[in-house]
């Protein structure tokens, strides 16, 4: 199983945009993304850091509902 990649917040935003997430605003150092699917609105804050912590990346993946292989395909 591959390890978690070392990525920036900007790369994650670009990857999530492929899943129809939209960057709606920036609040401080966090970029706020949102997507409406099946009547449910999902809002995800992504830190605008050069490298995201592994726990933060895992949390974003869990909120979006993707696994490591799907994330690597998006990057």
C-alpha atoms as a PDB file:
ATOM      1  CA  UNK A   1       0.000   0.000   0.000  1.00  0.00           C
ATOM      2  CA  UNK A   2       1.439   3.403  -0.939  1.00  0.00           C
ATOM      3  CA  UNK A   3       2.201   6.007   1.698  1.00  0.00           C
ATOM      4  CA  UNK A   4       0.389   9.291   2.047  1.00  0.00           C
ATOM      5  CA  UNK A   5       1.859  11.855  -0.340  1.00  0.00           C
ATOM      6  CA  UNK A   6       3.376  15.121   0.824  1.00  0.00           C
ATOM      7  CA  UNK A   7       1.162  17.747  -0.785  1.00  0.00           C
ATOM      8  CA  UNK A   8       0.306  21.409  -0.426  1.00  0.00           C
ATOM      9  CA  UNK A   9      -3.114  22.858   0.237  1.00  0.00           C
ATOM     10  CA  UNK A  10      -3.217  24.262  -3.300  1.00  0.00           C
ATOM     11  CA  UNK A  11      -2.690  20.775  -4.802  1.00  0.00           C
ATOM     12  CA  UNK A  12      -5.518  19.384  -2.687  1.00  0.00           C
ATOM     13  CA  UNK A  13      -7.840  22.182  -3.836  1.00  0.00           C
ATOM     14  CA  UNK A  14      -6.980  21.416  -7.474  1.00  0.00           C
ATOM     15  CA  UNK A  15      -7.571  17.693  -6.900  1.00  0.00           C
ATOM     16  CA  UNK A  16     -10.910  18.274  -5.155  1.00  0.00           C
ATOM     17  CA  UNK A  17     -12.031  20.599  -7.949  1.00  0.00           C
ATOM     18  CA  UNK A  18     -12.005  17.486 -10.165  1.00  0.00           C
ATOM     19  CA  UNK A  19     -14.669  16.095  -7.810  1.00  0.00           C
ATOM     20  CA  UNK A  20     -16.870  19.200  -8.356  1.00  0.00           C
ATOM     21  CA  UNK A  21     -15.754  21.010  -5.200  1.00  0.00           C
ATOM     22  CA  UNK A  22     -15.782  24.785  -5.549  1.00  0.00           C
ATOM     23  CA  UNK A  23     -13.496  27.261  -3.779  1.00  0.00           C
ATOM     24  CA  UNK A  24     -16.024  29.712  -2.352  1.00  0.00           C
ATOM     25  CA  UNK A  25     -13.892  31.859  -0.052  1.00  0.00           C
ATOM     26  CA  UNK A  26     -10.702  32.132   1.957  1.00  0.00           C
ATOM     27  CA  UNK A  27     -10.918  32.712   5.673  1.00  0.00           C
ATOM     28  CA  UNK A  28      -7.554  33.470   7.211  1.00  0.00           C
ATOM     29  CA  UNK A  29      -5.178  30.759   6.045  1.00  0.00           C
ATOM     30  CA  UNK A  30      -7.941  28.290   5.132  1.00  0.00           C
ATOM     31  CA  UNK A  31      -9.559  27.838   1.748  1.00  0.00           C
ATOM     32  CA  UNK A  32     -13.214  26.844   2.062  1.00  0.00           C
ATOM     33  CA  UNK A  33     -14.518  24.377  -0.525  1.00  0.00           C
ATOM     34  CA  UNK A  34     -18.096  23.265  -0.991  1.00  0.00           C
ATOM     35  CA  UNK A  35     -20.076  20.773  -3.077  1.00  0.00           C
ATOM     36  CA  UNK A  36     -23.774  19.973  -3.241  1.00  0.00           C
ATOM     37  CA  UNK A  37     -24.560  16.377  -4.152  1.00  0.00           C
ATOM     38  CA  UNK A  38     -27.874  14.558  -3.760  1.00  0.00           C
ATOM     39  CA  UNK A  39     -29.267  17.528  -1.845  1.00  0.00           C
ATOM     40  CA  UNK A  40     -26.461  17.410   0.740  1.00  0.00           C
ATOM     41  CA  UNK A  41     -23.981  20.253   1.055  1.00  0.00           C
ATOM     42  CA  UNK A  42     -20.422  19.322   2.012  1.00  0.00           C
ATOM     43  CA  UNK A  43     -18.088  22.067   3.236  1.00  0.00           C
ATOM     44  CA  UNK A  44     -14.388  21.369   3.691  1.00  0.00           C
ATOM     45  CA  UNK A  45     -11.732  23.743   5.030  1.00  0.00           C
ATOM     46  CA  UNK A  46      -8.278  23.198   3.506  1.00  0.00           C
ATOM     47  CA  UNK A  47      -5.263  24.917   5.101  1.00  0.00           C
ATOM     48  CA  UNK A  48      -3.229  27.001   2.673  1.00  0.00           C
ATOM     49  CA  UNK A  49       0.095  25.498   3.790  1.00  0.00           C
ATOM     50  CA  UNK A  50       3.099  24.337   1.783  1.00  0.00           C
ATOM     51  CA  UNK A  51       2.789  20.836   3.267  1.00  0.00           C
ATOM     52  CA  UNK A  52      -0.284  19.403   4.933  1.00  0.00           C
ATOM     53  CA  UNK A  53       0.061  17.291   8.051  1.00  0.00           C
ATOM     54  CA  UNK A  54      -0.770  13.605   7.584  1.00  0.00           C
ATOM     55  CA  UNK A  55      -3.686  13.806  10.013  1.00  0.00           C
ATOM     56  CA  UNK A  56      -5.124  16.797   8.185  1.00  0.00           C
ATOM     57  CA  UNK A  57      -4.855  14.994   4.856  1.00  0.00           C
ATOM     58  CA  UNK A  58      -6.540  11.880   6.304  1.00  0.00           C
ATOM     59  CA  UNK A  59      -9.336  14.043   7.721  1.00  0.00           C
ATOM     60  CA  UNK A  60      -9.940  15.725   4.356  1.00  0.00           C
ATOM     61  CA  UNK A  61     -10.028  12.314   2.637  1.00  0.00           C
ATOM     62  CA  UNK A  62     -12.531  11.027   5.211  1.00  0.00           C
ATOM     63  CA  UNK A  63     -14.800  14.069   4.822  1.00  0.00           C
ATOM     64  CA  UNK A  64     -14.768  13.780   1.028  1.00  0.00           C
ATOM     65  CA  UNK A  65     -15.239  10.009   1.131  1.00  0.00           C
ATOM     66  CA  UNK A  66     -12.225   8.949  -0.923  1.00  0.00           C
ATOM     67  CA  UNK A  67      -9.437   6.489  -0.206  1.00  0.00           C
ATOM     68  CA  UNK A  68      -5.698   6.805  -0.814  1.00  0.00           C
ATOM     69  CA  UNK A  69      -5.761   5.269  -4.292  1.00  0.00           C
ATOM     70  CA  UNK A  70      -8.490   7.686  -5.431  1.00  0.00           C
ATOM     71  CA  UNK A  71      -6.532  10.632  -4.033  1.00  0.00           C
ATOM     72  CA  UNK A  72      -3.391   9.585  -5.869  1.00  0.00           C
ATOM     73  CA  UNK A  73      -5.370   9.377  -9.129  1.00  0.00           C
ATOM     74  CA  UNK A  74      -6.671  12.918  -8.609  1.00  0.00           C
ATOM     75  CA  UNK A  75      -3.209  14.324  -7.956  1.00  0.00           C
END
